[in-house]
Amino acid sequence: AFRCNAPDLPGSPDLVFDALGSIVFVHGCFWHLHRGCPRMRIPHNSERRGYWYEKLARNALRDDRVEAELREAGWRVLIIWECETTPRERLRRTLAEFLDVAPPPRRRRRFR
């Protein structure tokens, strides 16, 4: 069993598997600054290029902070990038490998 968009956890993770102590985020390559990905590009002719760089950099810093907070609280975290959602079989394998583990031994800290 899992729950979606958990507002009680930092970053409102996309998928939370409480019994496994596992969290999955699905990040859009553009919005979360997937460095090196062709989907992460700001149009060169954009008049607001500086705004977009600053906005996306803030998103990436927030993502790093949220992931660190969750890991410190005892959660296992998987980031799936938008470009990694196909082919579907690879995505299935990634999720199966991540979720096919015993829960972490320590108790997870609650938020809020």
N, C-alpha and C. Protein backbone atom coordinates (compact mmCIF):
# COMPACT_ATOMS: atom_id res chain seq x y z
N ALA A 1 0.84 -1.19 0.00
CA ALA A 1 0.00 0.00 0.00
C ALA A 1 0.88 1.24 0.00
N PHE A 2 0.39 2.27 -0.63
CA PHE A 2 1.13 3.53 -0.69
C PHE A 2 0.14 4.68 -0.64
N ARG A 3 0.69 5.85 -0.39
CA ARG A 3 -0.13 7.07 -0.43
C ARG A 3 0.56 8.07 -1.34
N CYS A 4 -0.22 9.00 -1.86
CA CYS A 4 0.28 9.98 -2.82
C CYS A 4 0.33 11.38 -2.22
N ASN A 5 1.33 12.14 -2.65
CA ASN A 5 1.45 13.56 -2.31
C ASN A 5 1.24 13.80 -0.82
N ALA A 6 2.08 13.20 -0.01
CA ALA A 6 1.94 13.26 1.45
C ALA A 6 2.30 14.64 1.98
N PRO A 7 1.31 15.44 2.38
CA PRO A 7 1.59 16.80 2.87
C PRO A 7 2.25 16.82 4.24
N ASP A 8 2.26 15.69 4.94
CA ASP A 8 2.87 15.64 6.27
C ASP A 8 4.38 15.41 6.22
N LEU A 9 4.93 15.25 5.02
CA LEU A 9 6.37 15.03 4.86
C LEU A 9 6.99 16.16 4.05
N PRO A 10 8.26 16.46 4.30
CA PRO A 10 8.93 17.51 3.52
C PRO A 10 8.85 17.21 2.03
N GLY A 11 8.51 18.21 1.25
CA GLY A 11 8.44 18.08 -0.19
C GLY A 11 7.20 17.41 -0.72
N SER A 12 6.26 17.02 0.16
CA SER A 12 5.05 16.30 -0.25
C SER A 12 5.37 15.23 -1.29
N PRO A 13 6.08 14.18 -0.89
CA PRO A 13 6.52 13.17 -1.85
C PRO A 13 5.37 12.62 -2.70
N ASP A 14 5.72 12.27 -3.94
CA ASP A 14 4.72 11.76 -4.87
C ASP A 14 4.15 10.42 -4.41
N LEU A 15 5.02 9.53 -3.95
CA LEU A 15 4.59 8.22 -3.47
C LEU A 15 5.30 7.91 -2.16
N VAL A 16 4.53 7.47 -1.16
CA VAL A 16 5.08 7.11 0.14
C VAL A 16 4.66 5.68 0.47
N PHE A 17 5.65 4.84 0.70
CA PHE A 17 5.42 3.45 1.09
C PHE A 17 5.81 3.34 2.55
N ASP A 18 4.87 3.67 3.44
CA ASP A 18 5.16 3.73 4.88
C ASP A 18 5.74 2.43 5.42
N ALA A 19 5.15 1.32 5.05
CA ALA A 19 5.59 0.03 5.59
C ALA A 19 7.03 -0.30 5.19
N LEU A 20 7.48 0.24 4.07
CA LEU A 20 8.84 -0.02 3.59
C LEU A 20 9.80 1.10 3.96
N GLY A 21 9.27 2.18 4.52
CA GLY A 21 10.12 3.33 4.83
C GLY A 21 10.71 3.95 3.59
N SER A 22 9.94 3.94 2.50
CA SER A 22 10.44 4.36 1.19
C SER A 22 9.60 5.46 0.58
N ILE A 23 10.29 6.35 -0.11
CA ILE A 23 9.64 7.48 -0.76
C ILE A 23 10.13 7.58 -2.18
N VAL A 24 9.21 7.91 -3.09
CA VAL A 24 9.55 8.10 -4.50
C VAL A 24 9.07 9.49 -4.92
N PHE A 25 9.99 10.25 -5.51
CA PHE A 25 9.65 11.52 -6.15
C PHE A 25 9.76 11.31 -7.65
N VAL A 26 8.83 11.86 -8.41
CA VAL A 26 8.93 11.88 -9.86
C VAL A 26 9.13 13.35 -10.24
N HIS A 27 10.35 13.65 -10.68
CA HIS A 27 10.71 15.03 -10.98
C HIS A 27 10.64 15.31 -12.48
N GLY A 28 10.02 16.42 -12.83
CA GLY A 28 10.07 16.89 -14.21
C GLY A 28 11.47 17.41 -14.50
N CYS A 29 12.02 17.03 -15.63
CA CYS A 29 13.40 17.39 -15.96
C CYS A 29 13.61 18.91 -16.02
N PHE A 30 12.65 19.62 -16.56
CA PHE A 30 12.78 21.09 -16.65
C PHE A 30 12.65 21.72 -15.27
N TRP A 31 11.58 21.43 -14.56
CA TRP A 31 11.27 22.13 -13.31
C TRP A 31 12.24 21.81 -12.18
N HIS A 32 12.87 20.64 -12.24
CA HIS A 32 13.76 20.25 -11.14
C HIS A 32 15.21 20.23 -11.57
N LEU A 33 15.52 20.81 -12.72
CA LEU A 33 16.89 21.05 -13.17
C LEU A 33 17.69 19.75 -13.31
N HIS A 34 17.21 18.86 -14.17
CA HIS A 34 17.92 17.61 -14.43
C HIS A 34 19.10 17.92 -15.34
N ARG A 35 20.22 18.17 -14.70
CA ARG A 35 21.43 18.60 -15.42
C ARG A 35 21.84 17.56 -16.47
N GLY A 36 22.17 18.03 -17.66
CA GLY A 36 22.60 17.16 -18.73
C GLY A 36 21.47 16.56 -19.55
N CYS A 37 20.25 16.75 -19.12
CA CYS A 37 19.10 16.19 -19.82
C CYS A 37 18.65 17.17 -20.92
N PRO A 38 18.38 16.68 -22.12
CA PRO A 38 17.93 17.58 -23.19
C PRO A 38 16.59 18.26 -22.91
N ARG A 39 15.80 17.68 -22.01
CA ARG A 39 14.52 18.32 -21.66
C ARG A 39 14.72 19.52 -20.73
N MET A 40 15.90 19.64 -20.17
CA MET A 40 16.19 20.76 -19.26
C MET A 40 16.90 21.84 -20.05
N ARG A 41 16.15 22.61 -20.76
CA ARG A 41 16.76 23.71 -21.49
C ARG A 41 15.84 24.92 -21.50
N ILE A 42 16.45 26.05 -21.29
CA ILE A 42 15.73 27.32 -21.31
C ILE A 42 15.91 27.91 -22.70
N PRO A 43 14.83 28.32 -23.33
CA PRO A 43 14.98 28.89 -24.68
C PRO A 43 15.98 30.04 -24.69
N HIS A 44 16.88 30.00 -25.66
CA HIS A 44 17.93 31.03 -25.75
C HIS A 44 17.38 32.42 -26.00
N ASN A 45 16.23 32.51 -26.63
CA ASN A 45 15.68 33.83 -26.94
C ASN A 45 14.76 34.37 -25.84
N SER A 46 14.69 33.67 -24.73
CA SER A 46 13.81 34.10 -23.65
C SER A 46 14.33 35.39 -23.01
N GLU A 47 13.45 36.38 -22.90
CA GLU A 47 13.82 37.64 -22.25
C GLU A 47 13.95 37.45 -20.75
N ARG A 48 13.37 36.38 -20.24
CA ARG A 48 13.40 36.14 -18.80
C ARG A 48 14.35 35.00 -18.44
N ARG A 49 15.38 34.85 -19.23
CA ARG A 49 16.34 33.77 -19.03
C ARG A 49 16.92 33.78 -17.62
N GLY A 50 17.31 34.94 -17.12
CA GLY A 50 17.86 35.06 -15.78
C GLY A 50 16.87 34.62 -14.71
N TYR A 51 15.62 35.01 -14.88
CA TYR A 51 14.57 34.60 -13.95
C TYR A 51 14.48 33.08 -13.89
N TRP A 52 14.46 32.44 -15.07
CA TRP A 52 14.31 31.00 -15.11
C TRP A 52 15.49 30.28 -14.48
N TYR A 53 16.70 30.74 -14.75
CA TYR A 53 17.87 30.11 -14.13
C TYR A 53 17.78 30.18 -12.61
N GLU A 54 17.42 31.36 -12.10
CA GLU A 54 17.31 31.54 -10.65
C GLU A 54 16.19 30.67 -10.07
N LYS A 55 15.05 30.65 -10.72
CA LYS A 55 13.91 29.85 -10.25
C LYS A 55 14.26 28.37 -10.21
N LEU A 56 14.84 27.85 -11.26
CA LEU A 56 15.16 26.43 -11.34
C LEU A 56 16.27 26.05 -10.36
N ALA A 57 17.22 26.96 -10.16
CA ALA A 57 18.29 26.70 -9.19
C ALA A 57 17.70 26.61 -7.78
N ARG A 58 16.75 27.48 -7.46
CA ARG A 58 16.08 27.41 -6.15
C ARG A 58 15.34 26.08 -5.99
N ASN A 59 14.66 25.65 -7.06
CA ASN A 59 13.96 24.36 -7.01
C ASN A 59 14.95 23.23 -6.70
N ALA A 60 16.09 23.22 -7.39
CA ALA A 60 17.07 22.15 -7.21
C ALA A 60 17.65 22.18 -5.79
N LEU A 61 17.91 23.36 -5.26
CA LEU A 61 18.41 23.47 -3.88
C LEU A 61 17.37 22.97 -2.88
N ARG A 62 16.12 23.32 -3.11
CA ARG A 62 15.04 22.84 -2.24
C ARG A 62 14.95 21.32 -2.31
N ASP A 63 15.03 20.77 -3.51
CA ASP A 63 14.98 19.31 -3.67
C ASP A 63 16.10 18.64 -2.88
N ASP A 64 17.30 19.19 -2.94
CA ASP A 64 18.44 18.63 -2.20
C ASP A 64 18.18 18.67 -0.69
N ARG A 65 17.64 19.79 -0.22
CA ARG A 65 17.36 19.95 1.21
C ARG A 65 16.29 18.97 1.67
N VAL A 66 15.22 18.84 0.89
CA VAL A 66 14.12 17.94 1.23
C VAL A 66 14.62 16.49 1.27
N GLU A 67 15.40 16.10 0.28
CA GLU A 67 15.93 14.73 0.24
C GLU A 67 16.80 14.46 1.47
N ALA A 68 17.65 15.41 1.82
CA ALA A 68 18.52 15.25 3.00
C ALA A 68 17.69 15.12 4.28
N GLU A 69 16.66 15.94 4.42
CA GLU A 69 15.79 15.88 5.61
C GLU A 69 15.13 14.51 5.72
N LEU A 70 14.63 14.01 4.62
CA LEU A 70 13.95 12.72 4.63
C LEU A 70 14.92 11.58 4.96
N ARG A 71 16.11 11.62 4.38
CA ARG A 71 17.11 10.59 4.66
C ARG A 71 17.53 10.63 6.13
N GLU A 72 17.74 11.84 6.66
CA GLU A 72 18.11 11.98 8.07
C GLU A 72 17.02 11.43 8.99
N ALA A 73 15.78 11.51 8.54
CA ALA A 73 14.65 11.02 9.33
C ALA A 73 14.46 9.50 9.17
N GLY A 74 15.31 8.86 8.36
CA GLY A 74 15.25 7.42 8.23
C GLY A 74 14.54 6.89 7.00
N TRP A 75 14.14 7.76 6.10
CA TRP A 75 13.46 7.32 4.88
C TRP A 75 14.48 6.97 3.81
N ARG A 76 14.11 6.01 2.97
CA ARG A 76 14.86 5.72 1.76
C ARG A 76 14.20 6.52 0.65
N VAL A 77 15.00 7.17 -0.20
CA VAL A 77 14.44 8.08 -1.20
C VAL A 77 14.92 7.69 -2.59
N LEU A 78 13.98 7.63 -3.52
CA LEU A 78 14.29 7.40 -4.93
C LEU A 78 13.76 8.57 -5.73
N ILE A 79 14.62 9.13 -6.57
CA ILE A 79 14.21 10.19 -7.50
C ILE A 79 14.10 9.55 -8.88
N ILE A 80 12.94 9.67 -9.49
CA ILE A 80 12.76 9.22 -10.87
C ILE A 80 12.56 10.48 -11.70
N TRP A 81 13.41 10.63 -12.70
CA TRP A 81 13.30 11.78 -13.59
C TRP A 81 12.29 11.49 -14.69
N GLU A 82 11.64 12.53 -15.15
CA GLU A 82 10.65 12.42 -16.22
C GLU A 82 11.20 11.62 -17.41
N CYS A 83 12.44 11.87 -17.78
CA CYS A 83 13.03 11.18 -18.93
C CYS A 83 13.29 9.71 -18.65
N GLU A 84 13.20 9.28 -17.39
CA GLU A 84 13.42 7.89 -17.02
C GLU A 84 12.12 7.09 -16.93
N THR A 85 11.01 7.72 -17.27
CA THR A 85 9.72 7.02 -17.16
C THR A 85 9.43 6.16 -18.38
N THR A 86 10.27 6.24 -19.39
CA THR A 86 10.16 5.35 -20.55
C THR A 86 11.55 4.83 -20.87
N PRO A 87 11.72 3.64 -21.34
CA PRO A 87 10.67 2.66 -21.54
C PRO A 87 10.09 2.16 -20.21
N ARG A 88 8.85 1.77 -20.26
CA ARG A 88 8.11 1.37 -19.05
C ARG A 88 8.78 0.19 -18.33
N GLU A 89 9.32 -0.75 -19.08
CA GLU A 89 9.93 -1.92 -18.45
C GLU A 89 11.12 -1.52 -17.58
N ARG A 90 11.90 -0.57 -18.04
CA ARG A 90 13.04 -0.09 -17.24
C ARG A 90 12.53 0.58 -15.96
N LEU A 91 11.46 1.35 -16.09
CA LEU A 91 10.86 2.00 -14.92
C LEU A 91 10.35 0.94 -13.94
N ARG A 92 9.69 -0.08 -14.43
CA ARG A 92 9.20 -1.16 -13.57
C ARG A 92 10.35 -1.83 -12.83
N ARG A 93 11.45 -2.10 -13.54
CA ARG A 93 12.62 -2.73 -12.90
C ARG A 93 13.20 -1.85 -11.81
N THR A 94 13.33 -0.56 -12.11
CA THR A 94 13.88 0.40 -11.14
C THR A 94 13.04 0.42 -9.88
N LEU A 95 11.72 0.52 -10.04
CA LEU A 95 10.83 0.55 -8.89
C LEU A 95 10.85 -0.77 -8.12
N ALA A 96 10.85 -1.88 -8.84
CA ALA A 96 10.85 -3.19 -8.18
C ALA A 96 12.12 -3.38 -7.37
N GLU A 97 13.25 -3.00 -7.91
CA GLU A 97 14.53 -3.12 -7.19
C GLU A 97 14.53 -2.23 -5.95
N PHE A 98 14.02 -1.03 -6.09
CA PHE A 98 14.01 -0.09 -4.96
C PHE A 98 13.06 -0.56 -3.86
N LEU A 99 11.91 -1.07 -4.24
CA LEU A 99 10.90 -1.44 -3.24
C LEU A 99 11.07 -2.86 -2.69
N ASP A 100 11.91 -3.65 -3.30
CA ASP A 100 12.09 -5.03 -2.86
C ASP A 100 13.21 -5.14 -1.83
N VAL A 101 13.05 -4.40 -0.74
CA VAL A 101 14.03 -4.44 0.35
C VAL A 101 13.30 -4.43 1.68
N ALA A 102 13.99 -4.87 2.69
CA ALA A 102 13.41 -4.83 4.04
C ALA A 102 13.36 -3.39 4.52
N PRO A 103 12.39 -3.06 5.37
CA PRO A 103 12.33 -1.70 5.92
C PRO A 103 13.60 -1.38 6.70
N PRO A 104 13.96 -0.11 6.76
CA PRO A 104 15.17 0.26 7.51
C PRO A 104 15.01 -0.08 8.99
N PRO A 105 16.11 -0.42 9.67
CA PRO A 105 16.01 -0.88 11.06
C PRO A 105 15.62 0.20 12.05
N ARG A 106 15.95 1.46 11.80
CA ARG A 106 15.64 2.49 12.79
C ARG A 106 14.26 3.09 12.56
N ARG A 107 13.74 3.65 13.60
CA ARG A 107 12.42 4.27 13.55
C ARG A 107 12.51 5.60 12.82
N ARG A 108 11.53 5.87 11.98
CA ARG A 108 11.53 7.12 11.22
C ARG A 108 10.93 8.24 12.05
N ARG A 109 11.52 9.41 11.93
CA ARG A 109 11.04 10.58 12.65
C ARG A 109 9.80 11.13 11.96
N ARG A 110 8.83 11.53 12.75
CA ARG A 110 7.61 12.15 12.20
C ARG A 110 7.86 13.62 11.96
N PHE A 111 7.15 14.17 10.98
CA PHE A 111 7.21 15.59 10.67
C PHE A 111 5.88 16.23 11.04
N ARG A 112 5.94 17.50 11.38
CA ARG A 112 4.78 18.33 11.73
C ARG A 112 4.14 17.89 12.98
